[in-house]
PDB file of N, CA and C in Angstrom:
ATOM      1  N   MET A   1     -32.045  47.328-162.666  1.00  0.00           N
ATOM      2  CA  MET A   1     -31.533  47.214-161.966  1.00  0.00           C
ATOM      3  C   MET A   1     -31.016  48.132-159.923  1.00  0.00           C
ATOM      4  N   SER A   2     -32.322  47.742-159.420  1.00  0.00           N
ATOM      5  CA  SER A   2     -32.087  48.042-157.674  1.00  0.00           C
ATOM      6  C   SER A   2     -30.284  48.777-157.864  1.00  0.00           C
ATOM      7  N   PHE A   3     -30.347  49.850-157.329  1.00  0.00           N
ATOM      8  CA  PHE A   3     -29.063  50.847-156.665  1.00  0.00           C
ATOM      9  C   PHE A   3     -28.260  49.145-155.668  1.00  0.00           C
ATOM     10  N   GLU A   4     -28.700  48.644-155.373  1.00  0.00           N
ATOM     11  CA  GLU A   4     -28.925  47.807-154.124  1.00  0.00           C
ATOM     12  C   GLU A   4     -27.617  46.124-154.831  1.00  0.00           C
ATOM     13  N   ASN A   5     -28.261  45.581-156.616  1.00  0.00           N
ATOM     14  CA  ASN A   5     -27.423  44.961-156.988  1.00  0.00           C
ATOM     15  C   ASN A   5     -26.634  45.660-157.839  1.00  0.00           C
ATOM     16  N   HIS A   6     -26.769  47.968-157.599  1.00  0.00           N
ATOM     17  CA  HIS A   6     -25.780  47.998-158.369  1.00  0.00           C
ATOM     18  C   HIS A   6     -23.905  47.756-157.593  1.00  0.00           C
ATOM     19  N   THR A   7     -24.791  48.053-156.668  1.00  0.00           N
ATOM     20  CA  THR A   7     -23.390  47.868-155.944  1.00  0.00           C
ATOM     21  C   THR A   7     -22.995  46.944-155.556  1.00  0.00           C
ATOM     22  N   LYS A   8     -23.605  45.570-155.395  1.00  0.00           N
ATOM     23  CA  LYS A   8     -23.094  44.190-155.204  1.00  0.00           C
ATOM     24  C   LYS A   8     -22.453  44.168-156.696  1.00  0.00           C
ATOM     25  N   GLU A   9     -22.471  44.711-157.618  1.00  0.00           N
ATOM     26  CA  GLU A   9     -21.755  44.536-159.109  1.00  0.00           C
ATOM     27  C   GLU A   9     -20.387  44.734-158.579  1.00  0.00           C
ATOM     28  N   GLU A  10     -20.528  45.847-158.553  1.00  0.00           N
ATOM     29  CA  GLU A  10     -19.218  47.212-158.478  1.00  0.00           C
ATOM     30  C   GLU A  10     -18.567  46.339-157.034  1.00  0.00           C
ATOM     31  N   MET A  11     -18.883  45.940-156.896  1.00  0.00           N
ATOM     32  CA  MET A  11     -17.919  45.403-155.260  1.00  0.00           C
ATOM     33  C   MET A  11     -17.273  44.171-155.618  1.00  0.00           C
ATOM     34  N   ARG A  12     -18.586  43.182-155.820  1.00  0.00           N
ATOM     35  CA  ARG A  12     -17.506  42.339-156.792  1.00  0.00           C
ATOM     36  C   ARG A  12     -16.521  42.605-157.760  1.00  0.00           C
ATOM     37  N   LEU A  13     -16.751  43.695-158.696  1.00  0.00           N
ATOM     38  CA  LEU A  13     -15.412  43.752-159.405  1.00  0.00           C
ATOM     39  C   LEU A  13     -14.117  43.577-158.903  1.00  0.00           C
ATOM     40  N   VAL A  14     -14.372  45.106-157.853  1.00  0.00           N
ATOM     41  CA  VAL A  14     -13.380  45.905-157.431  1.00  0.00           C
ATOM     42  C   VAL A  14     -12.592  44.771-156.339  1.00  0.00           C
ATOM     43  N   MET A  15     -13.280  43.794-155.520  1.00  0.00           N
ATOM     44  CA  MET A  15     -13.147  42.562-155.029  1.00  0.00           C
ATOM     45  C   MET A  15     -11.832  41.752-155.769  1.00  0.00           C
ATOM     46  N   LEU A  16     -12.361  41.623-157.107  1.00  0.00           N
ATOM     47  CA  LEU A  16     -11.333  40.867-158.201  1.00  0.00           C
ATOM     48  C   LEU A  16      -9.456  41.513-158.740  1.00  0.00           C
ATOM     49  N   ARG A  17      -9.838  42.733-158.820  1.00  0.00           N
ATOM     50  CA  ARG A  17      -9.589  43.684-159.592  1.00  0.00           C
ATOM     51  C   ARG A  17      -8.154  43.914-157.908  1.00  0.00           C
ATOM     52  N   LEU A  18      -8.462  43.993-156.330  1.00  0.00           N
ATOM     53  CA  LEU A  18      -8.019  43.972-155.432  1.00  0.00           C
ATOM     54  C   LEU A  18      -6.774  43.227-155.406  1.00  0.00           C
ATOM     55  N   LEU A  19      -7.238  41.882-156.056  1.00  0.00           N
ATOM     56  CA  LEU A  19      -6.886  40.312-156.172  1.00  0.00           C
ATOM     57  C   LEU A  19      -5.449  40.305-156.985  1.00  0.00           C
ATOM     58  N   LYS A  20      -5.982  40.804-157.623  1.00  0.00           N
ATOM     59  CA  LYS A  20      -5.678  40.828-159.302  1.00  0.00           C
ATOM     60  C   LYS A  20      -4.080  42.050-158.497  1.00  0.00           C
ATOM     61  N   GLU A  21      -3.788  42.387-158.240  1.00  0.00           N
ATOM     62  CA  GLU A  21      -3.146  43.787-157.717  1.00  0.00           C
ATOM     63  C   GLU A  21      -1.812  42.868-157.094  1.00  0.00           C
ATOM     64  N   LEU A  22      -2.622  42.179-155.692  1.00  0.00           N
ATOM     65  CA  LEU A  22      -2.086  41.351-154.822  1.00  0.00           C
ATOM     66  C   LEU A  22      -0.650  40.071-154.650  1.00  0.00           C
ATOM     67  N   PRO A  23       0.141  40.137-154.405  1.00  0.00           N
ATOM     68  CA  PRO A  23       1.749  39.342-154.600  1.00  0.00           C
ATOM     69  C   PRO A  23       0.919  37.720-154.951  1.00  0.00           C
ATOM     70  N   SER A  24       0.711  36.704-155.621  1.00  0.00           N
ATOM     71  CA  SER A  24       0.489  35.491-155.597  1.00  0.00           C
ATOM     72  C   SER A  24      -1.345  35.041-155.463  1.00  0.00           C
ATOM     73  N   TYR A  25      -1.847  37.122-156.044  1.00  0.00           N
ATOM     74  CA  TYR A  25      -2.971  37.020-156.022  1.00  0.00           C
ATOM     75  C   TYR A  25      -3.753  36.266-155.530  1.00  0.00           C
ATOM     76  N   ARG A  26      -3.129  36.535-154.000  1.00  0.00           N
ATOM     77  CA  ARG A  26      -4.323  35.870-152.756  1.00  0.00           C
ATOM     78  C   ARG A  26      -3.754  36.576-151.892  1.00  0.00           C
ATOM     79  N   GLY A  27      -5.160  36.567-151.027  1.00  0.00           N
ATOM     80  CA  GLY A  27      -5.000  37.803-150.033  1.00  0.00           C
ATOM     81  C   GLY A  27      -6.307  37.439-148.966  1.00  0.00           C
ATOM     82  N   ASN A  28      -6.228  38.312-148.143  1.00  0.00           N
ATOM     83  CA  ASN A  28      -7.536  37.987-146.973  1.00  0.00           C
ATOM     84  C   ASN A  28      -7.947  38.982-147.366  1.00  0.00           C
ATOM     85  N   SER A  29      -9.190  38.384-145.755  1.00  0.00           N
ATOM     86  CA  SER A  29     -10.845  39.495-146.316  1.00  0.00           C
ATOM     87  C   SER A  29     -10.948  40.688-145.457  1.00  0.00           C
ATOM     88  N   SER A  30     -10.046  40.682-144.027  1.00  0.00           N
ATOM     89  CA  SER A  30      -9.700  41.392-144.409  1.00  0.00           C
ATOM     90  C   SER A  30      -9.100  42.741-144.560  1.00  0.00           C
ATOM     91  N   THR A  31      -7.652  42.250-145.525  1.00  0.00           N
ATOM     92  CA  THR A  31      -7.733  43.552-146.476  1.00  0.00           C
ATOM     93  C   THR A  31      -8.345  43.863-147.109  1.00  0.00           C
ATOM     94  N   ILE A  32      -9.161  43.153-147.745  1.00  0.00           N
ATOM     95  CA  ILE A  32     -10.475  43.575-148.699  1.00  0.00           C
ATOM     96  C   ILE A  32     -10.943  43.990-148.940  1.00  0.00           C
ATOM     97  N   HIS A  33     -11.303  44.190-147.429  1.00  0.00           N
ATOM     98  CA  HIS A  33     -12.392  44.787-147.038  1.00  0.00           C
ATOM     99  C   HIS A  33     -12.265  46.708-146.888  1.00  0.00           C
ATOM    100  N   GLY A  34     -10.636  47.094-145.865  1.00  0.00           N
ATOM    101  CA  GLY A  34     -10.305  47.788-146.237  1.00  0.00           C
ATOM    102  C   GLY A  34      -9.507  48.343-147.652  1.00  0.00           C
ATOM    103  N   GLY A  35      -9.340  47.290-148.368  1.00  0.00           N
ATOM    104  CA  GLY A  35      -9.465  48.389-149.856  1.00  0.00           C
ATOM    105  C   GLY A  35     -10.730  48.344-151.113  1.00  0.00           C
ATOM    106  N   LEU A  36     -11.423  47.990-150.288  1.00  0.00           N
ATOM    107  CA  LEU A  36     -12.871  48.159-150.311  1.00  0.00           C
ATOM    108  C   LEU A  36     -13.182  49.375-150.037  1.00  0.00           C
ATOM    109  N   ASP A  37     -12.938  49.672-148.802  1.00  0.00           N
ATOM    110  CA  ASP A  37     -13.225  51.299-148.015  1.00  0.00           C
ATOM    111  C   ASP A  37     -12.383  52.093-148.275  1.00  0.00           C
ATOM    112  N   ARG A  38     -11.685  52.047-149.081  1.00  0.00           N
ATOM    113  CA  ARG A  38     -10.410  53.583-149.679  1.00  0.00           C
ATOM    114  C   ARG A  38     -10.961  53.009-151.090  1.00  0.00           C
ATOM    115  N   TRP A  39     -11.945  52.623-151.966  1.00  0.00           N
ATOM    116  CA  TRP A  39     -12.007  52.898-152.925  1.00  0.00           C
ATOM    117  C   TRP A  39     -13.441  53.210-152.343  1.00  0.00           C
ATOM    118  N   GLY A  40     -14.254  53.977-151.370  1.00  0.00           N
ATOM    119  CA  GLY A  40     -15.313  54.397-151.295  1.00  0.00           C
ATOM    120  C   GLY A  40     -16.499  53.320-151.111  1.00  0.00           C
ATOM    121  N   LEU A  41     -16.553  52.166-150.884  1.00  0.00           N
ATOM    122  CA  LEU A  41     -16.900  51.233-151.175  1.00  0.00           C
ATOM    123  C   LEU A  41     -17.053  50.386-149.112  1.00  0.00           C
ATOM    124  N   GLY A  42     -18.335  50.717-148.123  1.00  0.00           N
ATOM    125  CA  GLY A  42     -18.170  50.695-147.196  1.00  0.00           C
ATOM    126  C   GLY A  42     -18.834  49.737-146.813  1.00  0.00           C
ATOM    127  N   PHE A  43     -18.060  48.504-147.713  1.00  0.00           N
ATOM    128  CA  PHE A  43     -19.261  46.988-146.178  1.00  0.00           C
ATOM    129  C   PHE A  43     -18.697  46.430-145.381  1.00  0.00           C
ATOM    130  N   SER A  44     -19.785  46.603-144.916  1.00  0.00           N
ATOM    131  CA  SER A  44     -20.226  45.043-143.395  1.00  0.00           C
ATOM    132  C   SER A  44     -18.153  44.214-143.294  1.00  0.00           C
ATOM    133  N   ARG A  45     -17.397  44.407-142.755  1.00  0.00           N
ATOM    134  CA  ARG A  45     -17.001  42.981-142.637  1.00  0.00           C
ATOM    135  C   ARG A  45     -17.600  41.269-143.275  1.00  0.00           C
ATOM    136  N   ASP A  46     -18.732  40.982-142.542  1.00  0.00           N
ATOM    137  CA  ASP A  46     -20.115  40.264-142.387  1.00  0.00           C
ATOM    138  C   ASP A  46     -20.463  39.980-144.525  1.00  0.00           C
ATOM    139  N   GLN A  47     -20.074  41.967-145.002  1.00  0.00           N
ATOM    140  CA  GLN A  47     -20.603  41.757-146.213  1.00  0.00           C
ATOM    141  C   GLN A  47     -19.622  40.759-147.429  1.00  0.00           C
ATOM    142  N   VAL A  48     -18.840  41.192-146.872  1.00  0.00           N
ATOM    143  CA  VAL A  48     -16.797  40.962-147.514  1.00  0.00           C
ATOM    144  C   VAL A  48     -17.652  39.894-147.791  1.00  0.00           C
ATOM    145  N   LYS A  49     -17.600  39.400-146.552  1.00  0.00           N
ATOM    146  CA  LYS A  49     -17.764  37.977-146.477  1.00  0.00           C
ATOM    147  C   LYS A  49     -18.357  36.729-147.278  1.00  0.00           C
ATOM    148  N   THR A  50     -19.803  37.536-147.783  1.00  0.00           N
ATOM    149  CA  THR A  50     -20.711  36.488-148.007  1.00  0.00           C
ATOM    150  C   THR A  50     -20.677  36.872-149.771  1.00  0.00           C
ATOM    151  N   GLU A  51     -19.989  38.427-149.415  1.00  0.00           N
ATOM    152  CA  GLU A  51     -19.844  38.224-151.293  1.00  0.00           C
ATOM    153  C   GLU A  51     -18.506  37.663-151.674  1.00  0.00           C
ATOM    154  N   LEU A  52     -17.477  36.922-150.762  1.00  0.00           N
ATOM    155  CA  LEU A  52     -16.213  36.353-150.629  1.00  0.00           C
ATOM    156  C   LEU A  52     -17.235  35.143-151.565  1.00  0.00           C
ATOM    157  N   TYR A  53     -17.708  34.006-150.704  1.00  0.00           N
ATOM    158  CA  TYR A  53     -18.098  33.125-151.016  1.00  0.00           C
ATOM    159  C   TYR A  53     -19.049  33.025-152.606  1.00  0.00           C
ATOM    160  N   TRP A  54     -19.981  33.748-152.201  1.00  0.00           N
ATOM    161  CA  TRP A  54     -20.169  34.335-153.972  1.00  0.00           C
ATOM    162  C   TRP A  54     -19.104  33.781-154.811  1.00  0.00           C
ATOM    163  N   LEU A  55     -18.797  34.403-154.743  1.00  0.00           N
ATOM    164  CA  LEU A  55     -17.556  34.133-155.576  1.00  0.00           C
ATOM    165  C   LEU A  55     -16.763  33.173-155.573  1.00  0.00           C
ATOM    166  N   ARG A  56     -17.170  32.512-155.107  1.00  0.00           N
ATOM    167  CA  ARG A  56     -16.091  30.962-154.561  1.00  0.00           C
ATOM    168  C   ARG A  56     -17.090  30.319-155.657  1.00  0.00           C
ATOM    169  N   ASP A  57     -18.439  30.618-155.416  1.00  0.00           N
ATOM    170  CA  ASP A  57     -19.343  29.530-155.417  1.00  0.00           C
ATOM    171  C   ASP A  57     -19.744  30.014-157.605  1.00  0.00           C
ATOM    172  N   GLN A  58     -18.644  31.125-157.944  1.00  0.00           N
ATOM    173  CA  GLN A  58     -18.895  30.739-159.467  1.00  0.00           C
ATOM    174  C   GLN A  58     -17.433  30.637-159.874  1.00  0.00           C
ATOM    175  N   SER A  59     -15.837  30.265-158.504  1.00  0.00           N
ATOM    176  CA  SER A  59     -15.160  29.356-159.662  1.00  0.00           C
ATOM    177  C   SER A  59     -14.785  31.011-159.922  1.00  0.00           C
ATOM    178  N   TYR A  60     -14.895  32.179-159.457  1.00  0.00           N
ATOM    179  CA  TYR A  60     -13.807  33.327-159.447  1.00  0.00           C
ATOM    180  C   TYR A  60     -13.448  33.853-158.181  1.00  0.00           C
ATOM    181  N   LEU A  61     -12.167  32.506-157.767  1.00  0.00           N
ATOM    182  CA  LEU A  61     -11.969  32.298-156.542  1.00  0.00           C
ATOM    183  C   LEU A  61     -11.602  31.340-155.492  1.00  0.00           C
ATOM    184  N   GLU A  62     -11.160  31.060-155.198  1.00  0.00           N
ATOM    185  CA  GLU A  62     -10.826  29.918-154.410  1.00  0.00           C
ATOM    186  C   GLU A  62     -10.741  30.317-152.449  1.00  0.00           C
ATOM    187  N   ILE A  63     -10.785  29.608-152.204  1.00  0.00           N
ATOM    188  CA  ILE A  63     -10.866  29.439-150.111  1.00  0.00           C
ATOM    189  C   ILE A  63     -10.056  29.438-149.825  1.00  0.00           C
ATOM    190  N   GLU A  64      -8.730  29.622-149.349  1.00  0.00           N
ATOM    191  CA  GLU A  64      -7.587  29.414-148.934  1.00  0.00           C
ATOM    192  C   GLU A  64      -8.144  28.291-147.609  1.00  0.00           C
ATOM    193  N   LEU A  65      -8.344  29.131-146.460  1.00  0.00           N
ATOM    194  CA  LEU A  65      -8.305  29.377-145.365  1.00  0.00           C
ATOM    195  C   LEU A  65      -9.762  30.222-144.985  1.00  0.00           C
ATOM    196  N   ASP A  66     -10.768  29.045-143.721  1.00  0.00           N
ATOM    197  CA  ASP A  66     -11.663  30.181-143.415  1.00  0.00           C
ATOM    198  C   ASP A  66     -12.116  30.227-142.375  1.00  0.00           C
ATOM    199  N   THR A  67     -11.741  30.431-140.989  1.00  0.00           N
ATOM    200  CA  THR A  67     -11.974  30.763-139.860  1.00  0.00           C
ATOM    201  C   THR A  67     -13.354  32.021-139.866  1.00  0.00           C
ATOM    202  N   PRO A  68     -13.489  32.064-138.523  1.00  0.00           N
ATOM    203  CA  PRO A  68     -14.507  33.209-138.532  1.00  0.00           C
ATOM    204  C   PRO A  68     -13.546  34.027-138.054  1.00  0.00           C
ATOM    205  N   GLU A  69     -12.787  34.476-138.030  1.00  0.00           N
ATOM    206  CA  GLU A  69     -12.198  35.277-138.255  1.00  0.00           C
ATOM    207  C   GLU A  69     -11.956  36.424-139.317  1.00  0.00           C
ATOM    208  N   VAL A  70     -11.257  35.531-140.518  1.00  0.00           N
ATOM    209  CA  VAL A  70     -11.136  36.312-142.094  1.00  0.00           C
ATOM    210  C   VAL A  70     -11.114  34.602-142.271  1.00  0.00           C
ATOM    211  N   LEU A  71     -10.470  34.660-144.028  1.00  0.00           N
ATOM    212  CA  LEU A  71     -11.230  33.923-144.915  1.00  0.00           C
ATOM    213  C   LEU A  71      -9.742  34.797-145.479  1.00  0.00           C
ATOM    214  N   VAL A  72      -9.185  33.630-146.635  1.00  0.00           N
ATOM    215  CA  VAL A  72      -7.480  34.274-147.040  1.00  0.00           C
ATOM    216  C   VAL A  72      -7.894  33.039-148.599  1.00  0.00           C
ATOM    217  N   VAL A  73      -8.059  34.045-149.371  1.00  0.00           N
ATOM    218  CA  VAL A  73      -8.336  33.782-151.424  1.00  0.00           C
ATOM    219  C   VAL A  73      -7.789  34.201-152.135  1.00  0.00           C
ATOM    220  N   LYS A  74      -8.058  32.800-153.100  1.00  0.00           N
ATOM    221  CA  LYS A  74      -6.376  33.541-154.021  1.00  0.00           C
ATOM    222  C   LYS A  74      -8.109  33.732-155.410  1.00  0.00           C
ATOM    223  N   LEU A  75      -7.331  34.076-156.189  1.00  0.00           N
ATOM    224  CA  LEU A  75      -7.664  34.682-157.434  1.00  0.00           C
ATOM    225  C   LEU A  75      -7.556  33.494-158.452  1.00  0.00           C
ATOM    226  N   SER A  76      -8.845  32.916-159.251  1.00  0.00           N
ATOM    227  CA  SER A  76      -8.520  31.977-160.035  1.00  0.00           C
ATOM    228  C   SER A  76      -8.546  32.119-161.539  1.00  0.00           C
ATOM    229  N   THR A  77      -8.061  31.803-162.302  1.00  0.00           N
ATOM    230  CA  THR A  77      -7.497  32.369-163.783  1.00  0.00           C
ATOM    231  C   THR A  77      -9.026  32.380-163.769  1.00  0.00           C
ATOM    232  N   ARG A  78     -10.085  32.297-164.295  1.00  0.00           N
ATOM    233  CA  ARG A  78     -11.636  33.083-164.808  1.00  0.00           C
ATOM    234  C   ARG A  78     -11.760  34.194-163.915  1.00  0.00           C
ATOM    235  N   GLY A  79     -11.412  34.626-162.480  1.00  0.00           N
ATOM    236  CA  GLY A  79     -11.428  35.442-162.180  1.00  0.00           C
ATOM    237  C   GLY A  79      -9.814  36.607-162.279  1.00  0.00           C
ATOM    238  N   GLN A  80      -9.632  36.570-162.618  1.00  0.00           N
ATOM    239  CA  GLN A  80      -8.555  36.584-163.422  1.00  0.00           C
ATOM    240  C   GLN A  80      -8.699  37.571-164.305  1.00  0.00           C
ATOM    241  N   ASP A  81      -9.444  36.847-165.819  1.00  0.00           N
ATOM    242  CA  ASP A  81     -10.509  37.357-167.238  1.00  0.00           C
ATOM    243  C   ASP A  81     -11.519  38.064-166.728  1.00  0.00           C
ATOM    244  N   VAL A  82     -12.137  38.280-165.948  1.00  0.00           N
ATOM    245  CA  VAL A  82     -13.508  38.466-165.291  1.00  0.00           C
ATOM    246  C   VAL A  82     -12.531  40.406-165.209  1.00  0.00           C
ATOM    247  N   ALA A  83     -11.812  40.489-163.983  1.00  0.00           N
ATOM    248  CA  ALA A  83     -10.764  41.418-163.641  1.00  0.00           C
ATOM    249  C   ALA A  83     -10.628  42.439-164.922  1.00  0.00           C
ATOM    250  N   GLU A  84      -9.768  41.420-165.424  1.00  0.00           N
ATOM    251  CA  GLU A  84      -9.366  42.325-167.453  1.00  0.00           C
ATOM    252  C   GLU A  84     -10.281  42.719-167.991  1.00  0.00           C
ATOM    253  N   GLY A  85     -11.620  42.308-167.980  1.00  0.00           N
ATOM    254  CA  GLY A  85     -12.310  42.488-168.439  1.00  0.00           C
ATOM    255  C   GLY A  85     -12.463  41.559-169.851  1.00  0.00           C
ATOM    256  N   ARG A  86     -12.061  40.748-170.545  1.00  0.00           N
ATOM    257  CA  ARG A  86     -11.892  39.223-170.617  1.00  0.00           C
ATOM    258  C   ARG A  86     -13.303  38.730-171.651  1.00  0.00           C
ATOM    259  N   ILE A  87     -14.033  38.244-170.714  1.00  0.00           N
ATOM    260  CA  ILE A  87     -15.051  38.049-170.265  1.00  0.00           C
ATOM    261  C   ILE A  87     -16.199  38.492-169.773  1.00  0.00           C
ATOM    262  N   ASN A  88     -17.898  38.737-169.749  1.00  0.00           N
ATOM    263  CA  ASN A  88     -18.138  39.124-168.934  1.00  0.00           C
ATOM    264  C   ASN A  88     -19.036  37.854-168.046  1.00  0.00           C
ATOM    265  N   ALA A  89     -18.934  38.402-166.983  1.00  0.00           N
ATOM    266  CA  ALA A  89     -19.651  38.028-165.626  1.00  0.00           C
ATOM    267  C   ALA A  89     -21.241  38.222-164.972  1.00  0.00           C
ATOM    268  N   PRO A  90     -22.343  37.117-165.577  1.00  0.00           N
ATOM    269  CA  PRO A  90     -23.674  37.668-164.717  1.00  0.00           C
ATOM    270  C   PRO A  90     -23.106  37.715-163.235  1.00  0.00           C
ATOM    271  N   GLY A  91     -23.268  39.878-162.191  1.00  0.00           N
ATOM    272  CA  GLY A  91     -23.491  39.262-160.885  1.00  0.00           C
ATOM    273  C   GLY A  91     -22.475  39.903-160.570  1.00  0.00           C
ATOM    274  N   ILE A  92     -21.853  40.856-161.462  1.00  0.00           N
ATOM    275  CA  ILE A  92     -20.520  41.229-161.562  1.00  0.00           C
ATOM    276  C   ILE A  92     -20.105  42.635-163.082  1.00  0.00           C
ATOM    277  N   LYS A  93     -19.752  43.796-162.129  1.00  0.00           N
ATOM    278  CA  LYS A  93     -19.796  44.907-163.451  1.00  0.00           C
ATOM    279  C   LYS A  93     -19.282  44.234-164.050  1.00  0.00           C
ATOM    280  N   ARG A  94     -19.333  44.924-165.381  1.00  0.00           N
ATOM    281  CA  ARG A  94     -18.117  45.134-166.667  1.00  0.00           C
ATOM    282  C   ARG A  94     -17.503  46.289-166.244  1.00  0.00           C
ATOM    283  N   PRO A  95     -15.993  46.109-166.515  1.00  0.00           N
ATOM    284  CA  PRO A  95     -15.003  46.506-166.647  1.00  0.00           C
ATOM    285  C   PRO A  95     -15.198  47.784-167.386  1.00  0.00           C
ATOM    286  N   SER A  96     -15.107  49.342-167.208  1.00  0.00           N
ATOM    287  CA  SER A  96     -14.587  50.338-168.497  1.00  0.00           C
ATOM    288  C   SER A  96     -13.279  49.728-168.839  1.00  0.00           C
ATOM    289  N   ALA A  97     -13.353  50.680-170.301  1.00  0.00           N
ATOM    290  CA  ALA A  97     -12.999  50.641-171.452  1.00  0.00           C
ATOM    291  C   ALA A  97     -11.866  51.501-170.912  1.00  0.00           C
TER     292      ALA A  97
END
């Protein structure tokens, strides 16, 4: 696996975990971008949005608002299962025990 793929998988896991910690499992792309930065994952806002769309396409979250400035997203039940390590998801790093 390439380093780029490894970091994308880790980024996706951290995004799901961040949403799991937010009230109502909802957040926006700006908040998630800041959370990733605090975890030492320095991605651009465009990269964050691209990965949020990918997670939506895999049914791990729902996009509630889509504007050029920000996405508002909500964690799905399936996304919560991935964040908590209950199911394996191709393209997302498995949480450590």
